[in-house]
PDB file of N, CA and C in Angstrom:
ATOM      1  N   UNK A   1     -29.956  77.188  33.916  1.00  0.00           N
ATOM      2  CA  UNK A   1     -29.112  76.052  34.225  1.00  0.00           C
ATOM      3  C   UNK A   1     -29.777  74.754  33.775  1.00  0.00           C
ATOM      4  N   UNK A   2     -31.063  74.631  33.988  1.00  0.00           N
ATOM      5  CA  UNK A   2     -31.771  73.423  33.590  1.00  0.00           C
ATOM      6  C   UNK A   2     -31.797  73.302  32.070  1.00  0.00           C
ATOM      7  N   UNK A   3     -31.882  74.448  31.378  1.00  0.00           N
ATOM      8  CA  UNK A   3     -31.878  74.434  29.924  1.00  0.00           C
ATOM      9  C   UNK A   3     -30.530  73.933  29.401  1.00  0.00           C
ATOM     10  N   UNK A   4     -29.435  74.339  30.022  1.00  0.00           N
ATOM     11  CA  UNK A   4     -28.112  73.879  29.628  1.00  0.00           C
ATOM     12  C   UNK A   4     -27.972  72.372  29.837  1.00  0.00           C
ATOM     13  N   UNK A   5     -28.529  71.894  30.918  1.00  0.00           N
ATOM     14  CA  UNK A   5     -28.466  70.449  31.183  1.00  0.00           C
ATOM     15  C   UNK A   5     -29.270  69.681  30.149  1.00  0.00           C
ATOM     16  N   UNK A   6     -30.410  70.210  29.736  1.00  0.00           N
ATOM     17  CA  UNK A   6     -31.221  69.540  28.716  1.00  0.00           C
ATOM     18  C   UNK A   6     -30.491  69.516  27.373  1.00  0.00           C
ATOM     19  N   UNK A   7     -29.862  70.622  27.009  1.00  0.00           N
ATOM     20  CA  UNK A   7     -29.113  70.669  25.755  1.00  0.00           C
ATOM     21  C   UNK A   7     -27.932  69.703  25.822  1.00  0.00           C
ATOM     22  N   UNK A   8     -27.223  69.683  26.948  1.00  0.00           N
ATOM     23  CA  UNK A   8     -26.110  68.750  27.111  1.00  0.00           C
ATOM     24  C   UNK A   8     -26.554  67.299  27.027  1.00  0.00           C
ATOM     25  N   UNK A   9     -27.676  66.994  27.638  1.00  0.00           N
ATOM     26  CA  UNK A   9     -28.212  65.630  27.553  1.00  0.00           C
ATOM     27  C   UNK A   9     -28.595  65.257  26.130  1.00  0.00           C
ATOM     28  N   UNK A  10     -29.155  66.216  25.399  1.00  0.00           N
ATOM     29  CA  UNK A  10     -29.501  65.959  23.995  1.00  0.00           C
ATOM     30  C   UNK A  10     -28.276  65.727  23.134  1.00  0.00           C
ATOM     31  N   UNK A  11     -27.233  66.527  23.366  1.00  0.00           N
ATOM     32  CA  UNK A  11     -25.990  66.338  22.619  1.00  0.00           C
ATOM     33  C   UNK A  11     -25.375  64.973  22.943  1.00  0.00           C
ATOM     34  N   UNK A  12     -25.388  64.610  24.218  1.00  0.00           N
ATOM     35  CA  UNK A  12     -24.846  63.311  24.626  1.00  0.00           C
ATOM     36  C   UNK A  12     -25.628  62.175  23.966  1.00  0.00           C
ATOM     37  N   UNK A  13     -26.959  62.228  24.032  1.00  0.00           N
ATOM     38  CA  UNK A  13     -27.787  61.166  23.449  1.00  0.00           C
ATOM     39  C   UNK A  13     -27.585  61.093  21.936  1.00  0.00           C
ATOM     40  N   UNK A  14     -27.515  62.247  21.278  1.00  0.00           N
ATOM     41  CA  UNK A  14     -27.295  62.252  19.831  1.00  0.00           C
ATOM     42  C   UNK A  14     -25.949  61.671  19.452  1.00  0.00           C
ATOM     43  N   UNK A  15     -24.931  61.960  20.278  1.00  0.00           N
ATOM     44  CA  UNK A  15     -23.602  61.414  20.011  1.00  0.00           C
ATOM     45  C   UNK A  15     -23.588  59.897  20.161  1.00  0.00           C
ATOM     46  N   UNK A  16     -24.215  59.383  21.204  1.00  0.00           N
ATOM     47  CA  UNK A  16     -24.253  57.931  21.412  1.00  0.00           C
ATOM     48  C   UNK A  16     -25.024  57.260  20.283  1.00  0.00           C
ATOM     49  N   UNK A  17     -26.136  57.842  19.876  1.00  0.00           N
ATOM     50  CA  UNK A  17     -26.910  57.278  18.762  1.00  0.00           C
ATOM     51  C   UNK A  17     -26.084  57.335  17.472  1.00  0.00           C
ATOM     52  N   UNK A  18     -25.364  58.423  17.254  1.00  0.00           N
ATOM     53  CA  UNK A  18     -24.513  58.531  16.067  1.00  0.00           C
ATOM     54  C   UNK A  18     -23.419  57.488  16.042  1.00  0.00           C
ATOM     55  N   UNK A  19     -22.826  57.200  17.201  1.00  0.00           N
ATOM     56  CA  UNK A  19     -21.797  56.157  17.276  1.00  0.00           C
ATOM     57  C   UNK A  19     -22.386  54.791  16.924  1.00  0.00           C
ATOM     58  N   UNK A  20     -23.559  54.505  17.449  1.00  0.00           N
ATOM     59  CA  UNK A  20     -24.201  53.217  17.187  1.00  0.00           C
ATOM     60  C   UNK A  20     -24.554  53.089  15.707  1.00  0.00           C
ATOM     61  N   UNK A  21     -25.142  54.130  15.132  1.00  0.00           N
ATOM     62  CA  UNK A  21     -25.523  54.093  13.713  1.00  0.00           C
ATOM     63  C   UNK A  21     -24.289  53.953  12.840  1.00  0.00           C
ATOM     64  N   UNK A  22     -23.228  54.703  13.151  1.00  0.00           N
ATOM     65  CA  UNK A  22     -22.003  54.629  12.360  1.00  0.00           C
ATOM     66  C   UNK A  22     -21.395  53.223  12.457  1.00  0.00           C
ATOM     67  N   UNK A  23     -21.402  52.649  13.658  1.00  0.00           N
ATOM     68  CA  UNK A  23     -20.886  51.282  13.822  1.00  0.00           C
ATOM     69  C   UNK A  23     -21.679  50.277  13.008  1.00  0.00           C
ATOM     70  N   UNK A  24     -23.001  50.413  13.001  1.00  0.00           N
ATOM     71  CA  UNK A  24     -23.822  49.497  12.209  1.00  0.00           C
ATOM     72  C   UNK A  24     -23.568  49.679  10.713  1.00  0.00           C
ATOM     73  N   UNK A  25     -23.441  50.924  10.272  1.00  0.00           N
ATOM     74  CA  UNK A  25     -23.168  51.166   8.853  1.00  0.00           C
ATOM     75  C   UNK A  25     -21.806  50.603   8.449  1.00  0.00           C
ATOM     76  N   UNK A  26     -20.810  50.740   9.310  1.00  0.00           N
ATOM     77  CA  UNK A  26     -19.480  50.182   9.031  1.00  0.00           C
ATOM     78  C   UNK A  26     -19.562  48.651   8.950  1.00  0.00           C
ATOM     79  N   UNK A  27     -20.379  48.069   9.797  1.00  0.00           N
ATOM     80  CA  UNK A  27     -20.497  46.609   9.812  1.00  0.00           C
ATOM     81  C   UNK A  27     -21.173  46.088   8.540  1.00  0.00           C
ATOM     82  N   UNK A  28     -22.229  46.785   8.078  1.00  0.00           N
ATOM     83  CA  UNK A  28     -22.987  46.289   6.927  1.00  0.00           C
ATOM     84  C   UNK A  28     -22.471  46.821   5.592  1.00  0.00           C
ATOM     85  N   UNK A  29     -21.955  48.022   5.544  1.00  0.00           N
ATOM     86  CA  UNK A  29     -21.467  48.620   4.298  1.00  0.00           C
ATOM     87  C   UNK A  29     -20.085  49.246   4.522  1.00  0.00           C
ATOM     88  N   UNK A  30     -19.065  48.430   4.774  1.00  0.00           N
ATOM     89  CA  UNK A  30     -17.794  48.999   5.216  1.00  0.00           C
ATOM     90  C   UNK A  30     -17.101  49.881   4.173  1.00  0.00           C
ATOM     91  N   UNK A  31     -17.038  49.475   2.931  1.00  0.00           N
ATOM     92  CA  UNK A  31     -16.259  50.215   1.955  1.00  0.00           C
ATOM     93  C   UNK A  31     -16.864  51.578   1.653  1.00  0.00           C
ATOM     94  N   UNK A  32     -18.140  51.632   1.383  1.00  0.00           N
ATOM     95  CA  UNK A  32     -18.770  52.907   1.016  1.00  0.00           C
ATOM     96  C   UNK A  32     -18.785  53.874   2.196  1.00  0.00           C
ATOM     97  N   UNK A  33     -18.995  53.369   3.407  1.00  0.00           N
ATOM     98  CA  UNK A  33     -19.026  54.238   4.587  1.00  0.00           C
ATOM     99  C   UNK A  33     -17.638  54.817   4.850  1.00  0.00           C
ATOM    100  N   UNK A  34     -16.591  54.010   4.711  1.00  0.00           N
ATOM    101  CA  UNK A  34     -15.235  54.523   4.910  1.00  0.00           C
ATOM    102  C   UNK A  34     -14.855  55.521   3.822  1.00  0.00           C
ATOM    103  N   UNK A  35     -15.284  55.270   2.589  1.00  0.00           N
ATOM    104  CA  UNK A  35     -15.007  56.220   1.505  1.00  0.00           C
ATOM    105  C   UNK A  35     -15.699  57.557   1.760  1.00  0.00           C
ATOM    106  N   UNK A  36     -16.943  57.508   2.165  1.00  0.00           N
ATOM    107  CA  UNK A  36     -17.689  58.741   2.446  1.00  0.00           C
ATOM    108  C   UNK A  36     -17.067  59.471   3.630  1.00  0.00           C
ATOM    109  N   UNK A  37     -16.699  58.718   4.676  1.00  0.00           N
ATOM    110  CA  UNK A  37     -16.094  59.338   5.855  1.00  0.00           C
ATOM    111  C   UNK A  37     -14.777  60.021   5.492  1.00  0.00           C
ATOM    112  N   UNK A  38     -13.937  59.355   4.735  1.00  0.00           N
ATOM    113  CA  UNK A  38     -12.656  59.941   4.343  1.00  0.00           C
ATOM    114  C   UNK A  38     -12.882  61.174   3.465  1.00  0.00           C
ATOM    115  N   UNK A  39     -13.832  61.098   2.540  1.00  0.00           N
ATOM    116  CA  UNK A  39     -14.113  62.244   1.679  1.00  0.00           C
ATOM    117  C   UNK A  39     -14.596  63.445   2.485  1.00  0.00           C
ATOM    118  N   UNK A  40     -15.495  63.221   3.437  1.00  0.00           N
ATOM    119  CA  UNK A  40     -16.022  64.323   4.245  1.00  0.00           C
ATOM    120  C   UNK A  40     -14.921  64.910   5.122  1.00  0.00           C
ATOM    121  N   UNK A  41     -14.041  64.062   5.678  1.00  0.00           N
ATOM    122  CA  UNK A  41     -12.954  64.562   6.521  1.00  0.00           C
ATOM    123  C   UNK A  41     -12.001  65.433   5.709  1.00  0.00           C
ATOM    124  N   UNK A  42     -11.629  65.002   4.522  1.00  0.00           N
ATOM    125  CA  UNK A  42     -10.732  65.794   3.664  1.00  0.00           C
ATOM    126  C   UNK A  42     -11.444  67.060   3.210  1.00  0.00           C
ATOM    127  N   UNK A  43     -12.715  66.966   2.885  1.00  0.00           N
ATOM    128  CA  UNK A  43     -13.495  68.125   2.448  1.00  0.00           C
ATOM    129  C   UNK A  43     -13.528  69.192   3.546  1.00  0.00           C
ATOM    130  N   UNK A  44     -13.772  68.798   4.775  1.00  0.00           N
ATOM    131  CA  UNK A  44     -13.831  69.752   5.885  1.00  0.00           C
ATOM    132  C   UNK A  44     -12.468  70.388   6.112  1.00  0.00           C
ATOM    133  N   UNK A  45     -11.406  69.595   6.096  1.00  0.00           N
ATOM    134  CA  UNK A  45     -10.067  70.125   6.300  1.00  0.00           C
ATOM    135  C   UNK A  45      -9.696  71.131   5.209  1.00  0.00           C
ATOM    136  N   UNK A  46      -9.938  70.788   3.956  1.00  0.00           N
ATOM    137  CA  UNK A  46      -9.596  71.694   2.862  1.00  0.00           C
ATOM    138  C   UNK A  46     -10.495  72.934   2.845  1.00  0.00           C
ATOM    139  N   UNK A  47     -11.736  72.799   3.271  1.00  0.00           N
ATOM    140  CA  UNK A  47     -12.621  73.966   3.338  1.00  0.00           C
ATOM    141  C   UNK A  47     -12.132  74.945   4.398  1.00  0.00           C
ATOM    142  N   UNK A  48     -11.663  74.431   5.528  1.00  0.00           N
ATOM    143  CA  UNK A  48     -11.129  75.310   6.573  1.00  0.00           C
ATOM    144  C   UNK A  48      -9.864  76.003   6.080  1.00  0.00           C
ATOM    145  N   UNK A  49      -8.976  75.268   5.411  1.00  0.00           N
ATOM    146  CA  UNK A  49      -7.771  75.877   4.860  1.00  0.00           C
ATOM    147  C   UNK A  49      -8.098  76.925   3.796  1.00  0.00           C
ATOM    148  N   UNK A  50      -9.097  76.654   2.960  1.00  0.00           N
ATOM    149  CA  UNK A  50      -9.506  77.628   1.949  1.00  0.00           C
ATOM    150  C   UNK A  50     -10.058  78.886   2.601  1.00  0.00           C
ATOM    151  N   UNK A  51     -10.830  78.729   3.667  1.00  0.00           N
ATOM    152  CA  UNK A  51     -11.388  79.878   4.380  1.00  0.00           C
ATOM    153  C   UNK A  51     -10.270  80.725   4.992  1.00  0.00           C
ATOM    154  N   UNK A  52      -9.280  80.071   5.596  1.00  0.00           N
ATOM    155  CA  UNK A  52      -8.156  80.806   6.171  1.00  0.00           C
ATOM    156  C   UNK A  52      -7.384  81.543   5.078  1.00  0.00           C
ATOM    157  N   UNK A  53      -7.127  80.871   3.958  1.00  0.00           N
ATOM    158  CA  UNK A  53      -6.414  81.510   2.857  1.00  0.00           C
ATOM    159  C   UNK A  53      -7.176  82.683   2.273  1.00  0.00           C
ATOM    160  N   UNK A  54      -8.471  82.538   2.092  1.00  0.00           N
ATOM    161  CA  UNK A  54      -9.285  83.629   1.559  1.00  0.00           C
ATOM    162  C   UNK A  54      -9.271  84.820   2.508  1.00  0.00           C
ATOM    163  N   UNK A  55      -9.397  84.550   3.790  1.00  0.00           N
ATOM    164  CA  UNK A  55      -9.389  85.629   4.778  1.00  0.00           C
ATOM    165  C   UNK A  55      -8.046  86.350   4.779  1.00  0.00           C
ATOM    166  N   UNK A  56      -6.954  85.601   4.706  1.00  0.00           N
ATOM    167  CA  UNK A  56      -5.636  86.232   4.684  1.00  0.00           C
ATOM    168  C   UNK A  56      -5.426  87.038   3.403  1.00  0.00           C
ATOM    169  N   UNK A  57      -5.957  86.562   2.291  1.00  0.00           N
ATOM    170  CA  UNK A  57      -5.758  87.237   1.009  1.00  0.00           C
ATOM    171  C   UNK A  57      -6.597  88.500   0.876  1.00  0.00           C
ATOM    172  N   UNK A  58      -7.748  88.555   1.520  1.00  0.00           N
ATOM    173  CA  UNK A  58      -8.651  89.688   1.340  1.00  0.00           C
ATOM    174  C   UNK A  58      -8.622  90.692   2.478  1.00  0.00           C
ATOM    175  N   UNK A  59      -7.951  90.386   3.566  1.00  0.00           N
ATOM    176  CA  UNK A  59      -7.880  91.317   4.691  1.00  0.00           C
ATOM    177  C   UNK A  59      -6.778  92.331   4.423  1.00  0.00           C
ATOM    178  N   UNK A  60      -7.092  93.626   4.507  1.00  0.00           N
ATOM    179  CA  UNK A  60      -6.045  94.626   4.280  1.00  0.00           C
ATOM    180  C   UNK A  60      -5.022  94.599   5.414  1.00  0.00           C
ATOM    181  N   UNK A  61      -3.787  95.012   5.096  1.00  0.00           N
ATOM    182  CA  UNK A  61      -2.769  95.015   6.157  1.00  0.00           C
ATOM    183  C   UNK A  61      -3.096  96.060   7.212  1.00  0.00           C
ATOM    184  N   UNK A  62      -2.643  95.857   8.429  1.00  0.00           N
ATOM    185  CA  UNK A  62      -2.938  96.827   9.489  1.00  0.00           C
ATOM    186  C   UNK A  62      -2.197  98.135   9.242  1.00  0.00           C
ATOM    187  N   UNK A  63      -2.752  99.215   9.752  1.00  0.00           N
ATOM    188  CA  UNK A  63      -2.113 100.523   9.644  1.00  0.00           C
ATOM    189  C   UNK A  63      -0.842 100.524  10.487  1.00  0.00           C
ATOM    190  N   UNK A  64       0.245 101.082   9.957  1.00  0.00           N
ATOM    191  CA  UNK A  64       1.458 101.134  10.775  1.00  0.00           C
ATOM    192  C   UNK A  64       1.296 102.122  11.929  1.00  0.00           C
ATOM    193  N   UNK A  65       1.909 101.806  13.016  1.00  0.00           N
ATOM    194  CA  UNK A  65       1.843 102.678  14.192  1.00  0.00           C
ATOM    195  C   UNK A  65       2.909 103.747  14.026  1.00  0.00           C
ATOM    196  N   UNK A  66       2.465 104.991  13.802  1.00  0.00           N
ATOM    197  CA  UNK A  66       3.416 106.086  13.587  1.00  0.00           C
ATOM    198  C   UNK A  66       3.363 107.105  14.713  1.00  0.00           C
ATOM    199  N   UNK A  67       2.277 107.196  15.382  1.00  0.00           N
ATOM    200  CA  UNK A  67       2.095 108.223  16.401  1.00  0.00           C
ATOM    201  C   UNK A  67       2.101 107.577  17.778  1.00  0.00           C
ATOM    202  N   UNK A  68       3.239 107.577  18.417  1.00  0.00           N
ATOM    203  CA  UNK A  68       3.332 107.044  19.771  1.00  0.00           C
ATOM    204  C   UNK A  68       3.282 108.224  20.728  1.00  0.00           C
ATOM    205  N   UNK A  69       2.253 108.302  21.550  1.00  0.00           N
ATOM    206  CA  UNK A  69       2.132 109.449  22.456  1.00  0.00           C
ATOM    207  C   UNK A  69       3.240 109.463  23.498  1.00  0.00           C
ATOM    208  N   UNK A  70       3.710 110.662  23.799  1.00  0.00           N
ATOM    209  CA  UNK A  70       4.733 110.841  24.828  1.00  0.00           C
ATOM    210  C   UNK A  70       4.086 110.672  26.196  1.00  0.00           C
ATOM    211  N   UNK A  71       4.767 110.026  27.123  1.00  0.00           N
ATOM    212  CA  UNK A  71       4.184 109.908  28.470  1.00  0.00           C
ATOM    213  C   UNK A  71       4.179 111.273  29.147  1.00  0.00           C
ATOM    214  N   UNK A  72       3.088 111.576  29.806  1.00  0.00           N
ATOM    215  CA  UNK A  72       2.981 112.857  30.509  1.00  0.00           C
ATOM    216  C   UNK A  72       3.717 112.762  31.832  1.00  0.00           C
ATOM    217  N   UNK A  73       4.464 113.807  32.181  1.00  0.00           N
ATOM    218  CA  UNK A  73       5.195 113.748  33.459  1.00  0.00           C
ATOM    219  C   UNK A  73       4.216 113.787  34.624  1.00  0.00           C
ATOM    220  N   UNK A  74       4.494 112.983  35.613  1.00  0.00           N
ATOM    221  CA  UNK A  74       3.618 112.955  36.780  1.00  0.00           C
ATOM    222  C   UNK A  74       4.012 114.086  37.725  1.00  0.00           C
ATOM    223  N   UNK A  75       3.030 114.677  38.403  1.00  0.00           N
ATOM    224  CA  UNK A  75       3.353 115.755  39.333  1.00  0.00           C
ATOM    225  C   UNK A  75       4.155 115.212  40.513  1.00  0.00           C
ATOM    226  N   UNK A  76       5.131 115.984  40.923  1.00  0.00           N
ATOM    227  CA  UNK A  76       5.959 115.576  42.055  1.00  0.00           C
ATOM    228  C   UNK A  76       5.562 116.373  43.287  1.00  0.00           C
ATOM    229  N   UNK A  77       6.062 115.970  44.403  1.00  0.00           N
ATOM    230  CA  UNK A  77       5.712 116.677  45.635  1.00  0.00           C
ATOM    231  C   UNK A  77       6.325 118.071  45.653  1.00  0.00           C
ATOM    232  N   UNK A  78       7.498 118.253  45.028  1.00  0.00           N
ATOM    233  CA  UNK A  78       8.105 119.581  45.011  1.00  0.00           C
ATOM    234  C   UNK A  78       7.296 120.533  44.132  1.00  0.00           C
ATOM    235  N   UNK A  79       6.686 120.022  43.072  1.00  0.00           N
ATOM    236  CA  UNK A  79       5.851 120.869  42.227  1.00  0.00           C
ATOM    237  C   UNK A  79       4.599 121.309  42.957  1.00  0.00           C
ATOM    238  N   UNK A  80       4.043 120.442  43.765  1.00  0.00           N
ATOM    239  CA  UNK A  80       2.851 120.800  44.520  1.00  0.00           C
ATOM    240  C   UNK A  80       3.194 121.844  45.574  1.00  0.00           C
ATOM    241  N   UNK A  81       4.371 121.735  46.171  1.00  0.00           N
ATOM    242  CA  UNK A  81       4.774 122.717  47.180  1.00  0.00           C
ATOM    243  C   UNK A  81       5.004 124.074  46.536  1.00  0.00           C
ATOM    244  N   UNK A  82       5.569 124.074  45.343  1.00  0.00           N
ATOM    245  CA  UNK A  82       5.808 125.334  44.639  1.00  0.00           C
ATOM    246  C   UNK A  82       4.493 125.990  44.280  1.00  0.00           C
ATOM    247  N   UNK A  83       3.527 125.190  43.845  1.00  0.00           N
ATOM    248  CA  UNK A  83       2.244 125.763  43.476  1.00  0.00           C
ATOM    249  C   UNK A  83       1.545 126.347  44.699  1.00  0.00           C
ATOM    250  N   UNK A  84       1.612 125.669  45.830  1.00  0.00           N
ATOM    251  CA  UNK A  84       0.954 126.208  47.023  1.00  0.00           C
ATOM    252  C   UNK A  84       1.701 127.431  47.543  1.00  0.00           C
ATOM    253  N   UNK A  85       3.014 127.479  47.395  1.00  0.00           N
ATOM    254  CA  UNK A  85       3.786 128.628  47.829  1.00  0.00           C
ATOM    255  C   UNK A  85       3.449 129.834  46.978  1.00  0.00           C
ATOM    256  N   UNK A  86       3.226 129.587  45.678  1.00  0.00           N
ATOM    257  CA  UNK A  86       2.880 130.709  44.802  1.00  0.00           C
ATOM    258  C   UNK A  86       1.538 131.302  45.129  1.00  0.00           C
ATOM    259  N   UNK A  87       0.616 130.492  45.588  1.00  0.00           N
ATOM    260  CA  UNK A  87      -0.705 130.988  45.943  1.00  0.00           C
ATOM    261  C   UNK A  87      -0.636 131.846  47.202  1.00  0.00           C
ATOM    262  N   UNK A  88       0.212 131.457  48.112  1.00  0.00           N
ATOM    263  CA  UNK A  88       0.321 132.216  49.357  1.00  0.00           C
ATOM    264  C   UNK A  88       0.923 133.593  49.111  1.00  0.00           C
ATOM    265  N   UNK A  89       1.839 133.690  48.154  1.00  0.00           N
ATOM    266  CA  UNK A  89       2.485 134.948  47.880  1.00  0.00           C
ATOM    267  C   UNK A  89       1.510 135.958  47.260  1.00  0.00           C
ATOM    268  N   UNK A  90       0.476 135.474  46.563  1.00  0.00           N
ATOM    269  CA  UNK A  90      -0.434 136.388  45.913  1.00  0.00           C
ATOM    270  C   UNK A  90      -1.466 136.959  46.891  1.00  0.00           C
ATOM    271  N   UNK A  91      -1.577 136.437  48.063  1.00  0.00           N
ATOM    272  CA  UNK A  91      -2.533 136.949  49.035  1.00  0.00           C
ATOM    273  C   UNK A  91      -2.029 138.267  49.609  1.00  0.00           C
ATOM    274  N   UNK A  92      -2.907 139.273  49.794  1.00  0.00           N
ATOM    275  CA  UNK A  92      -2.460 140.541  50.345  1.00  0.00           C
ATOM    276  C   UNK A  92      -2.255 140.484  51.838  1.00  0.00           C
TER     277      UNK A  92
END
């Protein structure tokens, strides 16, 4: 539990530092930072779409379901009585 809290604190601190650095870069170099940000955002989106398309294109189709098992009949109380009656008849 303490390890999870340390990792969470590190992620939080890194995020806050990233926001501050990004804000400073936008303030001092607005055009190039926005161009890089837009390029990376489009790159990530298109890479995810390419990965989905590749996976769909290379995954074989699923096997059709042809063998549906028949449900087995459940024993009834009359069947149990018949079985016990048959056992009694075999006794000498």
